Amino acid sequence: MSNPFSGRSRLIVSIEALSKIYEDKQQRVTAVNGVDLSVKEGELFGLLGPNGAGKTTTIGICTTRILPTKGTVNIAGVNVVEQPALARRSIGVVPQYNTLDRSLTIYENLYYHCLYFGFSARQARDRAEALLKQFLLFERRKAFPMQLSGGLQQRIQIARAIAHRPAVLFLDEPSAGLDPQSRIAMWDAVRALRQEGITVVLTTHYMEEADELCERVAIIDHGKLLALDTPQMLKRTLGADRILDLKLLQTERASLQQQLEQLTGVNCVEATPEGLRLFMQGSGEASGEHLPQIVQMAQPYGVRDIAISEPSLETVFIRLTGRDLRE
């Protein structure tokens, strides 16, 4: 199988032994704990983990807003601690919160951003207009941010973040708070950025978003990097083609777990807070053939519900941490 990244040699983001510790007289919190990772030019890279995992702190260090306790971060070859002003010229950022200037039109938000980064008045005007057309908002260029939906405001934030043509764009939970339609539109906008050669690093706790958008995903929890690979390869680590979740009334399930592990096609059985999870090999049809036997075996334990699904990044996260992404 060919490596989709073999043709990319230039590292845009390089993170080595990165740590961030917050401490005062009362407590000491390690937000980032010895993270090592790199992102290649043109890659769409995801940091996946629950709230509080350390994703936003990592992005904050990469974008010069937070000083690390230890470690180094280089953006396009520039150390973000030693040369923050120079590094910022290669960085575009869309934070979790809305930072559009409400007193300016969406055109003016883009125009003044360009001026700040050294564009001439004519260059700033041309770039702002081009971005409004690219993001299908030129007809609404005189609108103020609060006159637009949350999804359209997010689109303008992305447009502003790439206005100065950065080498890498950091998106921190870009679809948080968006309705499903706006989320899909935002995904399309992010995919389109790759045509401009922009490297994208996004944080998310939505496994569908990481699976849909990212070429590689780093799974982070409690400040530690747990796994890093393509979504497909991460899901293959589960060793299953189908996952069957049994929700049971009885809490003593060890005997049933042992029985189910003996079934043909069952690779592994794990206990969950509500029952048992079976990792099964074979097609969906093969899994369906086993279902009557599994139900019959589980019946004495009080079957509340049965669900069959394909492996997902959330399942990978649960396997690595023992808890749900939404916890």
C-alpha atoms as a PDB file:
ATOM      1  CA  MET A   1       0.000   0.000   0.000  1.00  0.00           C
ATOM      2  CA  SER A   2       1.460   3.365  -1.023  1.00  0.00           C
ATOM      3  CA  ASN A   3       2.086   6.036   1.588  1.00  0.00           C
ATOM      4  CA  PRO A   4      -0.002   9.159   0.784  1.00  0.00           C
ATOM      5  CA  PHE A   5       2.558  11.335   2.574  1.00  0.00           C
ATOM      6  CA  SER A   6       5.698   9.988   0.904  1.00  0.00           C
ATOM      7  CA  GLY A   7       5.779  12.862  -1.591  1.00  0.00           C
ATOM      8  CA  ARG A   8       5.693  15.482   1.149  1.00  0.00           C
ATOM      9  CA  SER A   9       9.023  16.153   2.798  1.00  0.00           C
ATOM     10  CA  ARG A  10       8.782  19.650   4.238  1.00  0.00           C
ATOM     11  CA  LEU A  11       7.649  19.835   7.834  1.00  0.00           C
ATOM     12  CA  ILE A  12       5.412  22.852   8.467  1.00  0.00           C
ATOM     13  CA  VAL A  13       4.759  22.075  12.142  1.00  0.00           C
ATOM     14  CA  SER A  14       7.352  20.371  14.337  1.00  0.00           C
ATOM     15  CA  ILE A  15       6.588  19.737  18.018  1.00  0.00           C
ATOM     16  CA  GLU A  16       9.197  18.123  20.258  1.00  0.00           C
ATOM     17  CA  ALA A  17       8.835  17.089  23.929  1.00  0.00           C
ATOM     18  CA  LEU A  18       6.180  19.753  24.464  1.00  0.00           C
ATOM     19  CA  SER A  19       4.874  20.269  28.002  1.00  0.00           C
ATOM     20  CA  LYS A  20       2.758  22.900  29.701  1.00  0.00           C
ATOM     21  CA  ILE A  21       2.230  22.943  33.456  1.00  0.00           C
ATOM     22  CA  TYR A  22      -0.053  25.355  35.265  1.00  0.00           C
ATOM     23  CA  GLU A  23       0.582  25.662  38.963  1.00  0.00           C
ATOM     24  CA  ASP A  24      -0.139  27.882  41.928  1.00  0.00           C
ATOM     25  CA  LYS A  25      -0.111  27.418  45.690  1.00  0.00           C
ATOM     26  CA  GLN A  26      -3.199  25.188  45.575  1.00  0.00           C
ATOM     27  CA  GLN A  27      -2.629  22.877  42.625  1.00  0.00           C
ATOM     28  CA  ARG A  28      -0.440  21.747  39.747  1.00  0.00           C
ATOM     29  CA  VAL A  29      -2.081  20.834  36.432  1.00  0.00           C
ATOM     30  CA  THR A  30      -0.218  19.283  33.512  1.00  0.00           C
ATOM     31  CA  ALA A  31      -2.146  20.410  30.431  1.00  0.00           C
ATOM     32  CA  VAL A  32       0.346  19.046  27.870  1.00  0.00           C
ATOM     33  CA  ASN A  33       2.679  16.201  28.767  1.00  0.00           C
ATOM     34  CA  GLY A  34       5.664  15.463  26.513  1.00  0.00           C
ATOM     35  CA  VAL A  35       3.934  15.637  23.123  1.00  0.00           C
ATOM     36  CA  ASP A  36       5.952  14.885  19.966  1.00  0.00           C
ATOM     37  CA  LEU A  37       4.395  15.230  16.533  1.00  0.00           C
ATOM     38  CA  SER A  38       4.937  16.809  13.131  1.00  0.00           C
ATOM     39  CA  VAL A  39       2.709  17.972  10.289  1.00  0.00           C
ATOM     40  CA  LYS A  40       3.799  17.959   6.666  1.00  0.00           C
ATOM     41  CA  GLU A  41       3.178  20.617   4.059  1.00  0.00           C
ATOM     42  CA  GLY A  42      -0.331  20.453   2.586  1.00  0.00           C
ATOM     43  CA  GLU A  43      -1.583  17.980   5.181  1.00  0.00           C
ATOM     44  CA  LEU A  44      -4.985  18.141   6.837  1.00  0.00           C
ATOM     45  CA  PHE A  45      -4.148  17.064  10.375  1.00  0.00           C
ATOM     46  CA  GLY A  46      -6.451  16.524  13.343  1.00  0.00           C
ATOM     47  CA  LEU A  47      -6.043  16.588  17.121  1.00  0.00           C
ATOM     48  CA  LEU A  48      -8.847  14.440  18.525  1.00  0.00           C
ATOM     49  CA  GLY A  49      -9.779  14.251  22.183  1.00  0.00           C
ATOM     50  CA  PRO A  50     -12.378  15.242  24.771  1.00  0.00           C
ATOM     51  CA  ASN A  51     -12.694  18.687  26.324  1.00  0.00           C
ATOM     52  CA  GLY A  52      -9.761  19.266  28.651  1.00  0.00           C
ATOM     53  CA  ALA A  53      -7.462  16.850  26.818  1.00  0.00           C
ATOM     54  CA  GLY A  54      -4.834  19.524  26.069  1.00  0.00           C
ATOM     55  CA  LYS A  55      -5.741  20.228  22.439  1.00  0.00           C
ATOM     56  CA  THR A  56      -6.443  23.953  22.857  1.00  0.00           C
ATOM     57  CA  THR A  57      -3.318  24.450  24.981  1.00  0.00           C
ATOM     58  CA  THR A  58      -1.221  22.764  22.280  1.00  0.00           C
ATOM     59  CA  ILE A  59      -2.745  25.048  19.635  1.00  0.00           C
ATOM     60  CA  GLY A  60      -2.201  28.055  21.926  1.00  0.00           C
ATOM     61  CA  ILE A  61       1.516  27.270  22.155  1.00  0.00           C
ATOM     62  CA  CYS A  62       1.792  26.701  18.397  1.00  0.00           C
ATOM     63  CA  THR A  63       0.156  30.069  17.712  1.00  0.00           C
ATOM     64  CA  THR A  64       2.358  32.000  20.220  1.00  0.00           C
ATOM     65  CA  ARG A  65      -0.494  32.772  22.655  1.00  0.00           C
ATOM     66  CA  ILE A  66       0.834  30.466  25.396  1.00  0.00           C
ATOM     67  CA  LEU A  67       4.436  29.902  26.486  1.00  0.00           C
ATOM     68  CA  PRO A  68       5.435  26.259  26.937  1.00  0.00           C
ATOM     69  CA  THR A  69       6.987  24.956  30.153  1.00  0.00           C
ATOM     70  CA  LYS A  70       9.308  22.682  28.178  1.00  0.00           C
ATOM     71  CA  GLY A  71       9.882  21.619  24.597  1.00  0.00           C
ATOM     72  CA  THR A  72      10.058  23.345  21.240  1.00  0.00           C
ATOM     73  CA  VAL A  73       7.621  24.221  18.473  1.00  0.00           C
ATOM     74  CA  ASN A  74       8.718  25.291  15.001  1.00  0.00           C
ATOM     75  CA  ILE A  75       6.289  26.669  12.420  1.00  0.00           C
ATOM     76  CA  ALA A  76       7.684  26.762   8.865  1.00  0.00           C
ATOM     77  CA  GLY A  77      11.142  26.502  10.401  1.00  0.00           C
ATOM     78  CA  VAL A  78      10.662  29.333  12.906  1.00  0.00           C
ATOM     79  CA  ASN A  79      10.810  28.778  16.671  1.00  0.00           C
ATOM     80  CA  VAL A  80       7.565  30.208  18.075  1.00  0.00           C
ATOM     81  CA  VAL A  81       9.136  31.145  21.419  1.00  0.00           C
ATOM     82  CA  GLU A  82      12.351  32.689  20.109  1.00  0.00           C
ATOM     83  CA  GLN A  83      10.763  34.520  17.136  1.00  0.00           C
ATOM     84  CA  PRO A  84       7.009  34.838  17.798  1.00  0.00           C
ATOM     85  CA  ALA A  85       6.434  37.839  15.509  1.00  0.00           C
ATOM     86  CA  LEU A  86       8.067  36.092  12.564  1.00  0.00           C
ATOM     87  CA  ALA A  87       6.229  32.844  13.300  1.00  0.00           C
ATOM     88  CA  ARG A  88       2.866  34.645  13.312  1.00  0.00           C
ATOM     89  CA  ARG A  89       3.345  35.620   9.677  1.00  0.00           C
ATOM     90  CA  SER A  90       3.098  31.911   8.801  1.00  0.00           C
ATOM     91  CA  ILE A  91       0.109  31.263  11.073  1.00  0.00           C
ATOM     92  CA  GLY A  92      -3.626  31.668  10.590  1.00  0.00           C
ATOM     93  CA  VAL A  93      -5.903  31.038  13.584  1.00  0.00           C
ATOM     94  CA  VAL A  94      -9.624  30.464  14.054  1.00  0.00           C
ATOM     95  CA  PRO A  95     -10.216  30.141  17.815  1.00  0.00           C
ATOM     96  CA  GLN A  96     -13.196  28.498  19.508  1.00  0.00           C
ATOM     97  CA  TYR A  97     -14.826  31.859  20.157  1.00  0.00           C
ATOM     98  CA  ASN A  98     -15.961  34.453  17.611  1.00  0.00           C
ATOM     99  CA  THR A  99     -13.370  37.228  17.220  1.00  0.00           C
ATOM    100  CA  LEU A 100     -14.925  39.166  14.323  1.00  0.00           C
ATOM    101  CA  ASP A 101     -15.169  42.916  14.954  1.00  0.00           C
ATOM    102  CA  ARG A 102     -18.900  43.526  15.280  1.00  0.00           C
ATOM    103  CA  SER A 103     -18.531  47.237  14.490  1.00  0.00           C
ATOM    104  CA  LEU A 104     -17.101  46.477  11.048  1.00  0.00           C
ATOM    105  CA  THR A 105     -18.726  44.950   7.976  1.00  0.00           C
ATOM    106  CA  ILE A 106     -17.481  41.535   6.930  1.00  0.00           C
ATOM    107  CA  TYR A 107     -15.601  43.213   4.062  1.00  0.00           C
ATOM    108  CA  GLU A 108     -13.921  45.604   6.505  1.00  0.00           C
ATOM    109  CA  ASN A 109     -12.959  42.709   8.799  1.00  0.00           C
ATOM    110  CA  LEU A 110     -11.010  41.197   5.917  1.00  0.00           C
ATOM    111  CA  TYR A 111      -9.684  44.497   4.564  1.00  0.00           C
ATOM    112  CA  TYR A 112      -8.189  45.728   7.845  1.00  0.00           C
ATOM    113  CA  HIS A 113      -6.724  42.303   8.587  1.00  0.00           C
ATOM    114  CA  CYS A 114      -4.813  42.526   5.312  1.00  0.00           C
ATOM    115  CA  LEU A 115      -3.599  46.040   6.117  1.00  0.00           C
ATOM    116  CA  TYR A 116      -2.345  44.811   9.500  1.00  0.00           C
ATOM    117  CA  PHE A 117      -0.202  42.225   7.708  1.00  0.00           C
ATOM    118  CA  GLY A 118       1.416  44.813   5.426  1.00  0.00           C
ATOM    119  CA  PHE A 119      -0.803  44.763   2.337  1.00  0.00           C
ATOM    120  CA  SER A 120      -1.194  48.018   0.433  1.00  0.00           C
ATOM    121  CA  ALA A 121      -4.706  49.497   0.342  1.00  0.00           C
ATOM    122  CA  ARG A 122      -5.234  48.165  -3.179  1.00  0.00           C
ATOM    123  CA  GLN A 123      -3.849  44.729  -2.330  1.00  0.00           C
ATOM    124  CA  ALA A 124      -6.050  44.576   0.770  1.00  0.00           C
ATOM    125  CA  ARG A 125      -9.146  45.510  -1.228  1.00  0.00           C
ATOM    126  CA  ASP A 126      -8.432  42.941  -3.942  1.00  0.00           C
ATOM    127  CA  ARG A 127      -7.697  40.186  -1.419  1.00  0.00           C
ATOM    128  CA  ALA A 128     -10.821  40.933   0.647  1.00  0.00           C
ATOM    129  CA  GLU A 129     -13.031  40.908  -2.428  1.00  0.00           C
ATOM    130  CA  ALA A 130     -11.441  37.700  -3.738  1.00  0.00           C
ATOM    131  CA  LEU A 131     -12.031  35.942  -0.408  1.00  0.00           C
ATOM    132  CA  LEU A 132     -15.648  37.081  -0.239  1.00  0.00           C
ATOM    133  CA  LYS A 133     -16.191  35.616  -3.694  1.00  0.00           C
ATOM    134  CA  GLN A 134     -14.342  32.406  -2.796  1.00  0.00           C
ATOM    135  CA  PHE A 135     -16.520  31.930   0.285  1.00  0.00           C
ATOM    136  CA  LEU A 136     -19.713  32.888  -1.601  1.00  0.00           C
ATOM    137  CA  LEU A 137     -20.361  35.992   0.502  1.00  0.00           C
ATOM    138  CA  PHE A 138     -19.549  38.822  -1.910  1.00  0.00           C
ATOM    139  CA  GLU A 139     -23.205  39.833  -2.241  1.00  0.00           C
ATOM    140  CA  ARG A 140     -23.334  40.283   1.538  1.00  0.00           C
ATOM    141  CA  ARG A 141     -20.051  42.163   1.880  1.00  0.00           C
ATOM    142  CA  LYS A 142     -21.751  45.184   3.516  1.00  0.00           C
ATOM    143  CA  ALA A 143     -23.385  43.043   6.214  1.00  0.00           C
ATOM    144  CA  PHE A 144     -22.206  43.155   9.806  1.00  0.00           C
ATOM    145  CA  PRO A 145     -21.215  39.880  11.515  1.00  0.00           C
ATOM    146  CA  MET A 146     -24.293  39.774  13.750  1.00  0.00           C
ATOM    147  CA  GLN A 147     -26.521  39.919  10.659  1.00  0.00           C
ATOM    148  CA  LEU A 148     -25.166  36.528   9.551  1.00  0.00           C
ATOM    149  CA  SER A 149     -25.816  33.028  10.857  1.00  0.00           C
ATOM    150  CA  GLY A 150     -23.240  31.294  13.038  1.00  0.00           C
ATOM    151  CA  GLY A 151     -22.144  29.158  10.099  1.00  0.00           C
ATOM    152  CA  LEU A 152     -21.552  32.176   7.846  1.00  0.00           C
ATOM    153  CA  GLN A 153     -19.679  33.997  10.603  1.00  0.00           C
ATOM    154  CA  GLN A 154     -17.428  30.970  10.958  1.00  0.00           C
ATOM    155  CA  ARG A 155     -16.824  31.052   7.209  1.00  0.00           C
ATOM    156  CA  ILE A 156     -15.729  34.693   7.463  1.00  0.00           C
ATOM    157  CA  GLN A 157     -13.417  33.849  10.359  1.00  0.00           C
ATOM    158  CA  ILE A 158     -11.739  31.213   8.193  1.00  0.00           C
ATOM    159  CA  ALA A 159     -11.484  33.672   5.292  1.00  0.00           C
ATOM    160  CA  ARG A 160      -9.881  36.271   7.561  1.00  0.00           C
ATOM    161  CA  ALA A 161      -7.442  33.713   8.997  1.00  0.00           C
ATOM    162  CA  ILE A 162      -6.081  32.878   5.525  1.00  0.00           C
ATOM    163  CA  ALA A 163      -6.198  36.452   4.176  1.00  0.00           C
ATOM    164  CA  HIS A 164      -2.445  36.992   4.704  1.00  0.00           C
ATOM    165  CA  ARG A 165      -1.702  33.639   3.007  1.00  0.00           C
ATOM    166  CA  PRO A 166      -0.268  31.740   5.994  1.00  0.00           C
ATOM    167  CA  ALA A 167       1.598  28.457   5.620  1.00  0.00           C
ATOM    168  CA  VAL A 168      -0.581  26.754   8.232  1.00  0.00           C
ATOM    169  CA  LEU A 169      -4.114  27.340   9.474  1.00  0.00           C
ATOM    170  CA  PHE A 170      -5.067  26.310  13.015  1.00  0.00           C
ATOM    171  CA  LEU A 171      -8.774  25.646  13.610  1.00  0.00           C
ATOM    172  CA  ASP A 172      -9.788  25.127  17.245  1.00  0.00           C
ATOM    173  CA  GLU A 173     -13.082  23.178  17.418  1.00  0.00           C
ATOM    174  CA  PRO A 174     -14.282  24.763  14.147  1.00  0.00           C
ATOM    175  CA  SER A 175     -17.734  23.160  14.097  1.00  0.00           C
ATOM    176  CA  ALA A 176     -18.607  23.659  17.772  1.00  0.00           C
ATOM    177  CA  GLY A 177     -22.066  25.184  18.059  1.00  0.00           C
ATOM    178  CA  LEU A 178     -22.889  24.819  14.369  1.00  0.00           C
ATOM    179  CA  ASP A 179     -26.014  23.094  13.098  1.00  0.00           C
ATOM    180  CA  PRO A 180     -25.490  20.021  10.858  1.00  0.00           C
ATOM    181  CA  GLN A 181     -25.966  21.959   7.604  1.00  0.00           C
ATOM    182  CA  SER A 182     -23.491  24.677   8.630  1.00  0.00           C
ATOM    183  CA  ARG A 183     -21.046  22.013   9.779  1.00  0.00           C
ATOM    184  CA  ILE A 184     -21.055  20.333   6.363  1.00  0.00           C
ATOM    185  CA  ALA A 185     -20.584  23.726   4.668  1.00  0.00           C
ATOM    186  CA  MET A 186     -17.640  24.432   6.967  1.00  0.00           C
ATOM    187  CA  TRP A 187     -16.107  21.052   6.091  1.00  0.00           C
ATOM    188  CA  ASP A 188     -16.369  21.923   2.392  1.00  0.00           C
ATOM    189  CA  ALA A 189     -14.652  25.262   3.043  1.00  0.00           C
ATOM    190  CA  VAL A 190     -11.796  23.539   4.885  1.00  0.00           C
ATOM    191  CA  ARG A 191     -11.313  20.993   2.082  1.00  0.00           C
ATOM    192  CA  ALA A 192     -11.156  23.830  -0.442  1.00  0.00           C
ATOM    193  CA  LEU A 193      -8.227  25.401   1.428  1.00  0.00           C
ATOM    194  CA  ARG A 194      -5.992  22.552   0.306  1.00  0.00           C
ATOM    195  CA  GLN A 195      -6.265  23.831  -3.263  1.00  0.00           C
ATOM    196  CA  GLU A 196      -4.379  26.913  -2.048  1.00  0.00           C
ATOM    197  CA  GLY A 197      -1.653  24.723  -0.555  1.00  0.00           C
ATOM    198  CA  ILE A 198      -2.529  25.665   3.026  1.00  0.00           C
ATOM    199  CA  THR A 199      -1.700  23.134   5.717  1.00  0.00           C
ATOM    200  CA  VAL A 200      -4.604  22.730   8.160  1.00  0.00           C
ATOM    201  CA  VAL A 201      -4.388  21.620  11.796  1.00  0.00           C
ATOM    202  CA  LEU A 202      -7.731  21.303  13.542  1.00  0.00           C
ATOM    203  CA  THR A 203      -8.793  20.251  17.013  1.00  0.00           C
ATOM    204  CA  THR A 204     -12.068  18.459  17.551  1.00  0.00           C
ATOM    205  CA  HIS A 205     -13.934  16.174  19.904  1.00  0.00           C
ATOM    206  CA  TYR A 206     -16.255  15.100  17.078  1.00  0.00           C
ATOM    207  CA  MET A 207     -14.975  11.784  15.780  1.00  0.00           C
ATOM    208  CA  GLU A 208     -17.043  12.165  12.579  1.00  0.00           C
ATOM    209  CA  GLU A 209     -15.241  15.423  11.838  1.00  0.00           C
ATOM    210  CA  ALA A 210     -11.791  13.900  12.300  1.00  0.00           C
ATOM    211  CA  ASP A 211     -12.751  10.860  10.212  1.00  0.00           C
ATOM    212  CA  GLU A 212     -14.326  12.942   7.447  1.00  0.00           C
ATOM    213  CA  LEU A 213     -11.668  15.644   7.102  1.00  0.00           C
ATOM    214  CA  CYS A 214      -8.285  14.511   8.365  1.00  0.00           C
ATOM    215  CA  GLU A 215      -5.565  12.576   6.587  1.00  0.00           C
ATOM    216  CA  ARG A 216      -3.895  11.824   9.910  1.00  0.00           C
ATOM    217  CA  VAL A 217      -5.230  12.052  13.441  1.00  0.00           C
ATOM    218  CA  ALA A 218      -3.451  12.372  16.771  1.00  0.00           C
ATOM    219  CA  ILE A 219      -5.520  11.102  19.696  1.00  0.00           C
ATOM    220  CA  ILE A 220      -4.828  13.087  22.873  1.00  0.00           C
ATOM    221  CA  ASP A 221      -6.081  12.642  26.428  1.00  0.00           C
ATOM    222  CA  HIS A 222      -4.904  14.163  29.714  1.00  0.00           C
ATOM    223  CA  GLY A 223      -2.200  16.014  27.809  1.00  0.00           C
ATOM    224  CA  LYS A 224      -0.605  12.855  26.379  1.00  0.00           C
ATOM    225  CA  LEU A 225      -0.380  11.680  22.786  1.00  0.00           C
ATOM    226  CA  LEU A 226      -1.923   8.188  22.760  1.00  0.00           C
ATOM    227  CA  ALA A 227      -1.925   7.323  19.051  1.00  0.00           C
ATOM    228  CA  LEU A 228      -1.174   8.915  15.679  1.00  0.00           C
ATOM    229  CA  ASP A 229      -2.025   7.516  12.249  1.00  0.00           C
ATOM    230  CA  THR A 230      -4.542   7.758   9.427  1.00  0.00           C
ATOM    231  CA  PRO A 231      -8.175   7.261  10.513  1.00  0.00           C
ATOM    232  CA  GLN A 232      -8.284   3.997   8.570  1.00  0.00           C
ATOM    233  CA  MET A 233      -5.182   2.582  10.241  1.00  0.00           C
ATOM    234  CA  LEU A 234      -6.311   3.686  13.701  1.00  0.00           C
ATOM    235  CA  LYS A 235      -9.587   1.820  13.231  1.00  0.00           C
ATOM    236  CA  ARG A 236      -7.737  -1.260  12.017  1.00  0.00           C
ATOM    237  CA  THR A 237      -5.984  -1.489  15.388  1.00  0.00           C
ATOM    238  CA  LEU A 238      -9.304  -2.654  16.823  1.00  0.00           C
ATOM    239  CA  GLY A 239      -8.992  -5.908  14.886  1.00  0.00           C
ATOM    240  CA  ALA A 240     -12.708  -5.953  14.059  1.00  0.00           C
ATOM    241  CA  ASP A 241     -15.027  -5.379  11.119  1.00  0.00           C
ATOM    242  CA  ARG A 242     -18.158  -4.990  13.267  1.00  0.00           C
ATOM    243  CA  ILE A 243     -18.794  -4.050  16.873  1.00  0.00           C
ATOM    244  CA  LEU A 244     -21.797  -5.362  18.790  1.00  0.00           C
ATOM    245  CA  ASP A 245     -22.846  -3.606  21.989  1.00  0.00           C
ATOM    246  CA  LEU A 246     -24.964  -5.558  24.456  1.00  0.00           C
ATOM    247  CA  LYS A 247     -26.739  -3.605  27.192  1.00  0.00           C
ATOM    248  CA  LEU A 248     -27.635  -5.931  30.051  1.00  0.00           C
ATOM    249  CA  LEU A 249     -29.650  -5.677  33.250  1.00  0.00           C
ATOM    250  CA  GLN A 250     -27.441  -7.986  35.312  1.00  0.00           C
ATOM    251  CA  THR A 251     -24.156  -6.579  36.590  1.00  0.00           C
ATOM    252  CA  GLU A 252     -22.390  -9.950  36.969  1.00  0.00           C
ATOM    253  CA  ARG A 253     -21.396 -10.744  33.378  1.00  0.00           C
ATOM    254  CA  ALA A 254     -18.006 -12.484  33.624  1.00  0.00           C
ATOM    255  CA  SER A 255     -19.393 -15.926  32.758  1.00  0.00           C
ATOM    256  CA  LEU A 256     -21.239 -14.614  29.707  1.00  0.00           C
ATOM    257  CA  GLN A 257     -18.119 -12.754  28.588  1.00  0.00           C
ATOM    258  CA  GLN A 258     -16.132 -15.983  28.658  1.00  0.00           C
ATOM    259  CA  GLN A 259     -18.822 -17.836  26.680  1.00  0.00           C
ATOM    260  CA  LEU A 260     -19.036 -15.162  24.010  1.00  0.00           C
ATOM    261  CA  GLU A 261     -15.256 -15.122  23.568  1.00  0.00           C
ATOM    262  CA  GLN A 262     -15.466 -18.764  22.409  1.00  0.00           C
ATOM    263  CA  LEU A 263     -17.736 -17.945  19.441  1.00  0.00           C
ATOM    264  CA  THR A 264     -16.328 -18.130  15.929  1.00  0.00           C
ATOM    265  CA  GLY A 265     -15.774 -14.663  14.511  1.00  0.00           C
ATOM    266  CA  VAL A 266     -15.594 -12.967  17.903  1.00  0.00           C
ATOM    267  CA  ASN A 267     -12.139 -11.460  18.239  1.00  0.00           C
ATOM    268  CA  CYS A 268     -12.514  -9.897  21.675  1.00  0.00           C
ATOM    269  CA  VAL A 269     -15.162  -9.152  24.321  1.00  0.00           C
ATOM    270  CA  GLU A 270     -14.803  -6.173  26.650  1.00  0.00           C
ATOM    271  CA  ALA A 271     -16.875  -5.134  29.645  1.00  0.00           C
ATOM    272  CA  THR A 272     -18.642  -1.765  29.450  1.00  0.00           C
ATOM    273  CA  PRO A 273     -20.521   0.149  32.165  1.00  0.00           C
ATOM    274  CA  GLU A 274     -23.817  -1.083  30.707  1.00  0.00           C
ATOM    275  CA  GLY A 275     -22.920  -4.535  29.439  1.00  0.00           C
ATOM    276  CA  LEU A 276     -20.480  -6.116  26.995  1.00  0.00           C
ATOM    277  CA  ARG A 277     -18.884  -5.043  23.721  1.00  0.00           C
ATOM    278  CA  LEU A 278     -18.024  -7.689  21.108  1.00  0.00           C
ATOM    279  CA  PHE A 279     -15.359  -7.036  18.471  1.00  0.00           C
ATOM    280  CA  MET A 280     -16.301  -9.249  15.522  1.00  0.00           C
ATOM    281  CA  GLN A 281     -14.506 -10.182  12.319  1.00  0.00           C
ATOM    282  CA  GLY A 282     -16.242 -10.799   9.015  1.00  0.00           C
ATOM    283  CA  SER A 283     -18.949  -9.103   6.988  1.00  0.00           C
ATOM    284  CA  GLY A 284     -22.129  -7.587   8.315  1.00  0.00           C
ATOM    285  CA  GLU A 285     -23.969 -10.641   7.035  1.00  0.00           C
ATOM    286  CA  ALA A 286     -21.698 -12.904   9.078  1.00  0.00           C
ATOM    287  CA  SER A 287     -22.292 -10.766  12.173  1.00  0.00           C
ATOM    288  CA  GLY A 288     -26.028 -11.048  11.591  1.00  0.00           C
ATOM    289  CA  GLU A 289     -25.806 -14.825  11.453  1.00  0.00           C
ATOM    290  CA  HIS A 290     -24.304 -14.865  14.951  1.00  0.00           C
ATOM    291  CA  LEU A 291     -26.897 -12.503  16.386  1.00  0.00           C
ATOM    292  CA  PRO A 292     -29.619 -15.095  17.306  1.00  0.00           C
ATOM    293  CA  GLN A 293     -27.054 -17.219  19.139  1.00  0.00           C
ATOM    294  CA  ILE A 294     -25.652 -14.189  20.990  1.00  0.00           C
ATOM    295  CA  VAL A 295     -29.150 -13.061  22.006  1.00  0.00           C
ATOM    296  CA  GLN A 296     -29.997 -16.544  23.250  1.00  0.00           C
ATOM    297  CA  MET A 297     -26.824 -16.703  25.336  1.00  0.00           C
ATOM    298  CA  ALA A 298     -27.385 -13.222  26.770  1.00  0.00           C
ATOM    299  CA  GLN A 299     -31.111 -13.646  27.507  1.00  0.00           C
ATOM    300  CA  PRO A 300     -30.624 -14.905  31.101  1.00  0.00           C
ATOM    301  CA  TYR A 301     -28.692 -11.694  31.845  1.00  0.00           C
ATOM    302  CA  GLY A 302     -31.553  -9.419  30.831  1.00  0.00           C
ATOM    303  CA  VAL A 303     -30.967  -7.910  27.374  1.00  0.00           C
ATOM    304  CA  ARG A 304     -31.958  -4.236  27.347  1.00  0.00           C
ATOM    305  CA  ASP A 305     -30.585  -3.286  23.936  1.00  0.00           C
ATOM    306  CA  ILE A 306     -28.363  -4.488  21.088  1.00  0.00           C
ATOM    307  CA  ALA A 307     -26.525  -2.255  18.633  1.00  0.00           C
ATOM    308  CA  ILE A 308     -24.231  -3.206  15.745  1.00  0.00           C
ATOM    309  CA  SER A 309     -21.828  -0.616  14.319  1.00  0.00           C
ATOM    310  CA  GLU A 310     -18.649  -0.298  12.287  1.00  0.00           C
ATOM    311  CA  PRO A 311     -15.367   0.603  14.001  1.00  0.00           C
ATOM    312  CA  SER A 312     -15.001   4.344  14.570  1.00  0.00           C
ATOM    313  CA  LEU A 313     -12.402   6.709  15.971  1.00  0.00           C
ATOM    314  CA  GLU A 314     -14.576   7.008  19.058  1.00  0.00           C
ATOM    315  CA  THR A 315     -14.292   3.238  19.551  1.00  0.00           C
ATOM    316  CA  VAL A 316     -10.514   3.586  19.200  1.00  0.00           C
ATOM    317  CA  PHE A 317     -10.538   6.319  21.840  1.00  0.00           C
ATOM    318  CA  ILE A 318     -12.596   4.192  24.219  1.00  0.00           C
ATOM    319  CA  ARG A 319     -10.217   1.264  23.715  1.00  0.00           C
ATOM    320  CA  LEU A 320      -7.224   3.509  24.508  1.00  0.00           C
ATOM    321  CA  THR A 321      -8.682   5.355  27.503  1.00  0.00           C
ATOM    322  CA  GLY A 322     -11.613   3.330  28.813  1.00  0.00           C
ATOM    323  CA  ARG A 323     -13.953   6.315  28.558  1.00  0.00           C
ATOM    324  CA  ASP A 324     -16.193   8.049  26.046  1.00  0.00           C
ATOM    325  CA  LEU A 325     -15.072  11.082  24.018  1.00  0.00           C
ATOM    326  CA  ARG A 326     -18.033  13.034  25.403  1.00  0.00           C
ATOM    327  CA  GLU A 327     -17.227  12.373  29.053  1.00  0.00           C
END
